[in-house]
Amino acid sequence: MTPLIHRGACPEPSAAWFEARFAENGWSNSWRDGIYDFQHYHATTHEVLGVYAGRARVQLGGQGGPIHDLQ
């Protein structure tokens, strides 16, 4: 599945802003933390990631998938 990346979508860069948007959309089980440094896969769900501080280089789509610079 192709990732959707919405740069600049957050008018207020804070964890609380993202948590409120996720809750409004019924996306549960959110947490504040870093990004895993190993590949993982969800067989029964999709994953949403909100970046409100810092930066990360992530590979999406499994081994050989494109690498995205997020901030």
PDB file of N, CA and C in Angstrom:
ATOM      1  N   MET A   1       0.843  -1.171   0.000  1.00  0.00           N
ATOM      2  CA  MET A   1       0.000   0.000   0.000  1.00  0.00           C
ATOM      3  C   MET A   1       0.892   1.239   0.000  1.00  0.00           C
ATOM      4  N   THR A   2       0.569   2.193  -0.812  1.00  0.00           N
ATOM      5  CA  THR A   2       1.336   3.432  -0.902  1.00  0.00           C
ATOM      6  C   THR A   2       1.045   4.321   0.301  1.00  0.00           C
ATOM      7  N   PRO A   3       2.097   4.817   0.980  1.00  0.00           N
ATOM      8  CA  PRO A   3       1.854   5.702   2.124  1.00  0.00           C
ATOM      9  C   PRO A   3       1.346   7.061   1.660  1.00  0.00           C
ATOM     10  N   LEU A   4       0.539   7.679   2.494  1.00  0.00           N
ATOM     11  CA  LEU A   4       0.075   9.048   2.261  1.00  0.00           C
ATOM     12  C   LEU A   4       0.853   9.954   3.201  1.00  0.00           C
ATOM     13  N   ILE A   5       1.578  10.898   2.661  1.00  0.00           N
ATOM     14  CA  ILE A   5       2.379  11.811   3.478  1.00  0.00           C
ATOM     15  C   ILE A   5       1.844  13.215   3.268  1.00  0.00           C
ATOM     16  N   HIS A   6       1.375  13.819   4.356  1.00  0.00           N
ATOM     17  CA  HIS A   6       0.800  15.166   4.308  1.00  0.00           C
ATOM     18  C   HIS A   6       1.732  16.114   5.056  1.00  0.00           C
ATOM     19  N   ARG A   7       2.655  16.706   4.358  1.00  0.00           N
ATOM     20  CA  ARG A   7       3.600  17.638   4.985  1.00  0.00           C
ATOM     21  C   ARG A   7       2.891  18.962   5.273  1.00  0.00           C
ATOM     22  N   GLY A   8       3.153  19.513   6.450  1.00  0.00           N
ATOM     23  CA  GLY A   8       2.559  20.796   6.812  1.00  0.00           C
ATOM     24  C   GLY A   8       1.082  20.726   7.165  1.00  0.00           C
ATOM     25  N   ALA A   9       0.574  19.542   7.443  1.00  0.00           N
ATOM     26  CA  ALA A   9      -0.857  19.387   7.750  1.00  0.00           C
ATOM     27  C   ALA A   9      -1.202  19.835   9.163  1.00  0.00           C
ATOM     28  N   CYS A  10      -0.205  19.978  10.002  1.00  0.00           N
ATOM     29  CA  CYS A  10      -0.420  20.304  11.410  1.00  0.00           C
ATOM     30  C   CYS A  10      -0.188  21.796  11.652  1.00  0.00           C
ATOM     31  N   PRO A  11      -1.251  22.576  11.912  1.00  0.00           N
ATOM     32  CA  PRO A  11      -1.074  24.007  12.152  1.00  0.00           C
ATOM     33  C   PRO A  11      -0.454  24.314  13.515  1.00  0.00           C
ATOM     34  N   GLU A  12      -0.550  23.372  14.432  1.00  0.00           N
ATOM     35  CA  GLU A  12      -0.036  23.547  15.793  1.00  0.00           C
ATOM     36  C   GLU A  12       0.817  22.327  16.123  1.00  0.00           C
ATOM     37  N   PRO A  13       2.137  22.415  16.008  1.00  0.00           N
ATOM     38  CA  PRO A  13       2.980  21.233  16.200  1.00  0.00           C
ATOM     39  C   PRO A  13       3.042  20.771  17.656  1.00  0.00           C
ATOM     40  N   SER A  14       2.091  19.913  18.033  1.00  0.00           N
ATOM     41  CA  SER A  14       2.093  19.372  19.390  1.00  0.00           C
ATOM     42  C   SER A  14       1.497  17.971  19.385  1.00  0.00           C
ATOM     43  N   ALA A  15       1.911  17.195  20.362  1.00  0.00           N
ATOM     44  CA  ALA A  15       1.358  15.847  20.502  1.00  0.00           C
ATOM     45  C   ALA A  15      -0.144  15.914  20.749  1.00  0.00           C
ATOM     46  N   ALA A  16      -0.583  16.890  21.536  1.00  0.00           N
ATOM     47  CA  ALA A  16      -2.014  17.010  21.848  1.00  0.00           C
ATOM     48  C   ALA A  16      -2.840  17.238  20.584  1.00  0.00           C
ATOM     49  N   TRP A  17      -2.333  18.022  19.636  1.00  0.00           N
ATOM     50  CA  TRP A  17      -3.056  18.269  18.383  1.00  0.00           C
ATOM     51  C   TRP A  17      -3.249  16.960  17.628  1.00  0.00           C
ATOM     52  N   PHE A  18      -2.181  16.175  17.500  1.00  0.00           N
ATOM     53  CA  PHE A  18      -2.293  14.899  16.801  1.00  0.00           C
ATOM     54  C   PHE A  18      -3.224  13.937  17.534  1.00  0.00           C
ATOM     55  N   GLU A  19      -3.105  13.852  18.851  1.00  0.00           N
ATOM     56  CA  GLU A  19      -3.964  12.951  19.611  1.00  0.00           C
ATOM     57  C   GLU A  19      -5.434  13.304  19.427  1.00  0.00           C
ATOM     58  N   ALA A  20      -5.754  14.595  19.394  1.00  0.00           N
ATOM     59  CA  ALA A  20      -7.142  15.019  19.178  1.00  0.00           C
ATOM     60  C   ALA A  20      -7.619  14.618  17.781  1.00  0.00           C
ATOM     61  N   ARG A  21      -6.791  14.813  16.749  1.00  0.00           N
ATOM     62  CA  ARG A  21      -7.175  14.424  15.382  1.00  0.00           C
ATOM     63  C   ARG A  21      -7.362  12.913  15.280  1.00  0.00           C
ATOM     64  N   PHE A  22      -6.465  12.160  15.883  1.00  0.00           N
ATOM     65  CA  PHE A  22      -6.578  10.699  15.829  1.00  0.00           C
ATOM     66  C   PHE A  22      -7.867  10.250  16.506  1.00  0.00           C
ATOM     67  N   ALA A  23      -8.170  10.820  17.679  1.00  0.00           N
ATOM     68  CA  ALA A  23      -9.396  10.459  18.404  1.00  0.00           C
ATOM     69  C   ALA A  23     -10.634  10.825  17.593  1.00  0.00           C
ATOM     70  N   GLU A  24     -10.628  11.988  16.942  1.00  0.00           N
ATOM     71  CA  GLU A  24     -11.768  12.407  16.115  1.00  0.00           C
ATOM     72  C   GLU A  24     -12.060  11.413  14.994  1.00  0.00           C
ATOM     73  N   ASN A  25     -11.023  10.744  14.527  1.00  0.00           N
ATOM     74  CA  ASN A  25     -11.172   9.786  13.429  1.00  0.00           C
ATOM     75  C   ASN A  25     -11.355   8.349  13.909  1.00  0.00           C
ATOM     76  N   GLY A  26     -11.421   8.163  15.238  1.00  0.00           N
ATOM     77  CA  GLY A  26     -11.621   6.827  15.779  1.00  0.00           C
ATOM     78  C   GLY A  26     -10.374   5.961  15.737  1.00  0.00           C
ATOM     79  N   TRP A  27      -9.205   6.597  15.636  1.00  0.00           N
ATOM     80  CA  TRP A  27      -7.948   5.849  15.602  1.00  0.00           C
ATOM     81  C   TRP A  27      -7.454   5.708  17.037  1.00  0.00           C
ATOM     82  N   SER A  28      -7.549   4.515  17.571  1.00  0.00           N
ATOM     83  CA  SER A  28      -7.241   4.277  18.982  1.00  0.00           C
ATOM     84  C   SER A  28      -5.826   3.741  19.170  1.00  0.00           C
ATOM     85  N   ASN A  29      -5.482   3.520  20.425  1.00  0.00           N
ATOM     86  CA  ASN A  29      -4.193   2.949  20.826  1.00  0.00           C
ATOM     87  C   ASN A  29      -3.013   3.848  20.485  1.00  0.00           C
ATOM     88  N   SER A  30      -3.197   5.158  20.558  1.00  0.00           N
ATOM     89  CA  SER A  30      -2.085   6.058  20.252  1.00  0.00           C
ATOM     90  C   SER A  30      -1.147   6.157  21.449  1.00  0.00           C
ATOM     91  N   TRP A  31       0.081   6.500  21.173  1.00  0.00           N
ATOM     92  CA  TRP A  31       1.064   6.713  22.224  1.00  0.00           C
ATOM     93  C   TRP A  31       2.079   7.735  21.741  1.00  0.00           C
ATOM     94  N   ARG A  32       2.788   8.337  22.687  1.00  0.00           N
ATOM     95  CA  ARG A  32       3.863   9.284  22.379  1.00  0.00           C
ATOM     96  C   ARG A  32       5.174   8.559  22.622  1.00  0.00           C
ATOM     97  N   ASP A  33       5.958   8.455  21.588  1.00  0.00           N
ATOM     98  CA  ASP A  33       7.239   7.765  21.730  1.00  0.00           C
ATOM     99  C   ASP A  33       8.000   7.897  20.427  1.00  0.00           C
ATOM    100  N   GLY A  34       9.107   7.229  20.341  1.00  0.00           N
ATOM    101  CA  GLY A  34       9.905   7.232  19.124  1.00  0.00           C
ATOM    102  C   GLY A  34       9.367   6.243  18.103  1.00  0.00           C
ATOM    103  N   ILE A  35      10.108   6.125  17.021  1.00  0.00           N
ATOM    104  CA  ILE A  35       9.756   5.204  15.941  1.00  0.00           C
ATOM    105  C   ILE A  35      10.623   3.962  16.090  1.00  0.00           C
ATOM    106  N   TYR A  36      10.031   2.802  15.889  1.00  0.00           N
ATOM    107  CA  TYR A  36      10.808   1.561  15.962  1.00  0.00           C
ATOM    108  C   TYR A  36      12.012   1.631  15.035  1.00  0.00           C
ATOM    109  N   ASP A  37      13.133   1.078  15.469  1.00  0.00           N
ATOM    110  CA  ASP A  37      14.320   1.041  14.614  1.00  0.00           C
ATOM    111  C   ASP A  37      14.465  -0.310  13.920  1.00  0.00           C
ATOM    112  N   PHE A  38      13.370  -1.053  13.853  1.00  0.00           N
ATOM    113  CA  PHE A  38      13.361  -2.331  13.134  1.00  0.00           C
ATOM    114  C   PHE A  38      12.065  -2.414  12.336  1.00  0.00           C
ATOM    115  N   GLN A  39      12.086  -3.213  11.283  1.00  0.00           N
ATOM    116  CA  GLN A  39      10.891  -3.357  10.461  1.00  0.00           C
ATOM    117  C   GLN A  39       9.845  -4.182  11.193  1.00  0.00           C
ATOM    118  N   HIS A  40       8.597  -3.788  11.015  1.00  0.00           N
ATOM    119  CA  HIS A  40       7.491  -4.558  11.579  1.00  0.00           C
ATOM    120  C   HIS A  40       6.304  -4.451  10.639  1.00  0.00           C
ATOM    121  N   TYR A  41       5.336  -5.313  10.842  1.00  0.00           N
ATOM    122  CA  TYR A  41       4.217  -5.433   9.917  1.00  0.00           C
ATOM    123  C   TYR A  41       2.937  -5.660  10.698  1.00  0.00           C
ATOM    124  N   HIS A  42       1.860  -5.018  10.270  1.00  0.00           N
ATOM    125  CA  HIS A  42       0.549  -5.221  10.881  1.00  0.00           C
ATOM    126  C   HIS A  42      -0.341  -5.924   9.862  1.00  0.00           C
ATOM    127  N   ALA A  43      -0.725  -7.152  10.146  1.00  0.00           N
ATOM    128  CA  ALA A  43      -1.523  -7.938   9.199  1.00  0.00           C
ATOM    129  C   ALA A  43      -3.001  -7.563   9.214  1.00  0.00           C
ATOM    130  N   THR A  44      -3.473  -6.966  10.297  1.00  0.00           N
ATOM    131  CA  THR A  44      -4.916  -6.721  10.422  1.00  0.00           C
ATOM    132  C   THR A  44      -5.277  -5.249  10.607  1.00  0.00           C
ATOM    133  N   THR A  45      -4.350  -4.353  10.374  1.00  0.00           N
ATOM    134  CA  THR A  45      -4.637  -2.933  10.601  1.00  0.00           C
ATOM    135  C   THR A  45      -3.717  -2.057   9.768  1.00  0.00           C
ATOM    136  N   HIS A  46      -4.028  -0.786   9.723  1.00  0.00           N
ATOM    137  CA  HIS A  46      -3.148   0.211   9.119  1.00  0.00           C
ATOM    138  C   HIS A  46      -2.509   0.991  10.255  1.00  0.00           C
ATOM    139  N   GLU A  47      -1.485   1.746   9.938  1.00  0.00           N
ATOM    140  CA  GLU A  47      -0.811   2.533  10.966  1.00  0.00           C
ATOM    141  C   GLU A  47      -0.775   3.989  10.529  1.00  0.00           C
ATOM    142  N   VAL A  48      -0.987   4.878  11.490  1.00  0.00           N
ATOM    143  CA  VAL A  48      -0.876   6.314  11.224  1.00  0.00           C
ATOM    144  C   VAL A  48       0.250   6.853  12.104  1.00  0.00           C
ATOM    145  N   LEU A  49       1.031   7.757  11.556  1.00  0.00           N
ATOM    146  CA  LEU A  49       2.181   8.310  12.265  1.00  0.00           C
ATOM    147  C   LEU A  49       2.102   9.824  12.189  1.00  0.00           C
ATOM    148  N   GLY A  50       2.174  10.483  13.329  1.00  0.00           N
ATOM    149  CA  GLY A  50       2.183  11.943  13.369  1.00  0.00           C
ATOM    150  C   GLY A  50       3.520  12.416  13.911  1.00  0.00           C
ATOM    151  N   VAL A  51       4.190  13.282  13.187  1.00  0.00           N
ATOM    152  CA  VAL A  51       5.496  13.802  13.607  1.00  0.00           C
ATOM    153  C   VAL A  51       5.318  15.266  13.993  1.00  0.00           C
ATOM    154  N   TYR A  52       5.521  15.586  15.270  1.00  0.00           N
ATOM    155  CA  TYR A  52       5.337  16.963  15.727  1.00  0.00           C
ATOM    156  C   TYR A  52       6.635  17.603  16.196  1.00  0.00           C
ATOM    157  N   ALA A  53       7.709  16.827  16.319  1.00  0.00           N
ATOM    158  CA  ALA A  53       9.002  17.372  16.725  1.00  0.00           C
ATOM    159  C   ALA A  53      10.102  16.445  16.225  1.00  0.00           C
ATOM    160  N   GLY A  54      11.251  17.011  15.976  1.00  0.00           N
ATOM    161  CA  GLY A  54      12.384  16.211  15.541  1.00  0.00           C
ATOM    162  C   GLY A  54      12.271  15.794  14.084  1.00  0.00           C
ATOM    163  N   ARG A  55      13.052  14.803  13.745  1.00  0.00           N
ATOM    164  CA  ARG A  55      13.047  14.292  12.380  1.00  0.00           C
ATOM    165  C   ARG A  55      13.394  12.818  12.402  1.00  0.00           C
ATOM    166  N   ALA A  56      13.017  12.142  11.342  1.00  0.00           N
ATOM    167  CA  ALA A  56      13.293  10.708  11.237  1.00  0.00           C
ATOM    168  C   ALA A  56      13.408  10.326   9.770  1.00  0.00           C
ATOM    169  N   ARG A  57      14.174   9.329   9.518  1.00  0.00           N
ATOM    170  CA  ARG A  57      14.277   8.732   8.186  1.00  0.00           C
ATOM    171  C   ARG A  57      13.650   7.350   8.324  1.00  0.00           C
ATOM    172  N   VAL A  58      12.533   7.132   7.624  1.00  0.00           N
ATOM    173  CA  VAL A  58      11.791   5.879   7.762  1.00  0.00           C
ATOM    174  C   VAL A  58      11.650   5.190   6.411  1.00  0.00           C
ATOM    175  N   GLN A  59      11.681   3.877   6.469  1.00  0.00           N
ATOM    176  CA  GLN A  59      11.449   3.070   5.270  1.00  0.00           C
ATOM    177  C   GLN A  59      10.058   2.471   5.395  1.00  0.00           C
ATOM    178  N   LEU A  60       9.194   2.809   4.452  1.00  0.00           N
ATOM    179  CA  LEU A  60       7.811   2.341   4.480  1.00  0.00           C
ATOM    180  C   LEU A  60       7.576   1.363   3.340  1.00  0.00           C
ATOM    181  N   GLY A  61       6.826   0.317   3.627  1.00  0.00           N
ATOM    182  CA  GLY A  61       6.517  -0.652   2.580  1.00  0.00           C
ATOM    183  C   GLY A  61       7.387  -1.887   2.615  1.00  0.00           C
ATOM    184  N   GLY A  62       8.127  -2.079   3.702  1.00  0.00           N
ATOM    185  CA  GLY A  62       8.933  -3.287   3.824  1.00  0.00           C
ATOM    186  C   GLY A  62      10.311  -3.154   3.208  1.00  0.00           C
ATOM    187  N   GLN A  63      11.046  -4.259   3.263  1.00  0.00           N
ATOM    188  CA  GLN A  63      12.407  -4.315   2.725  1.00  0.00           C
ATOM    189  C   GLN A  63      12.399  -3.846   1.270  1.00  0.00           C
ATOM    190  N   GLY A  64      13.231  -2.895   0.939  1.00  0.00           N
ATOM    191  CA  GLY A  64      13.282  -2.386  -0.420  1.00  0.00           C
ATOM    192  C   GLY A  64      12.296  -1.270  -0.691  1.00  0.00           C
ATOM    193  N   GLY A  65      11.452  -0.945   0.303  1.00  0.00           N
ATOM    194  CA  GLY A  65      10.488   0.147   0.132  1.00  0.00           C
ATOM    195  C   GLY A  65      11.189   1.494   0.129  1.00  0.00           C
ATOM    196  N   PRO A  66      10.503   2.537  -0.307  1.00  0.00           N
ATOM    197  CA  PRO A  66      11.125   3.858  -0.360  1.00  0.00           C
ATOM    198  C   PRO A  66      11.431   4.406   1.034  1.00  0.00           C
ATOM    199  N   ILE A  67      12.477   5.208   1.109  1.00  0.00           N
ATOM    200  CA  ILE A  67      12.877   5.852   2.362  1.00  0.00           C
ATOM    201  C   ILE A  67      12.376   7.291   2.330  1.00  0.00           C
ATOM    202  N   HIS A  68      11.743   7.709   3.430  1.00  0.00           N
ATOM    203  CA  HIS A  68      11.162   9.048   3.531  1.00  0.00           C
ATOM    204  C   HIS A  68      11.817   9.797   4.686  1.00  0.00           C
ATOM    205  N   ASP A  69      12.163  11.041   4.442  1.00  0.00           N
ATOM    206  CA  ASP A  69      12.666  11.915   5.499  1.00  0.00           C
ATOM    207  C   ASP A  69      11.483  12.698   6.050  1.00  0.00           C
ATOM    208  N   LEU A  70      11.211  12.520   7.336  1.00  0.00           N
ATOM    209  CA  LEU A  70      10.073  13.172   7.987  1.00  0.00           C
ATOM    210  C   LEU A  70      10.586  14.157   9.022  1.00  0.00           C
ATOM    211  N   GLN A  71       9.846  15.267   9.177  1.00  0.00           N
ATOM    212  CA  GLN A  71      10.179  16.238  10.234  1.00  0.00           C
ATOM    213  C   GLN A  71       8.967  17.048  10.588  1.00  0.00           C
TER     214      GLN A  71
END
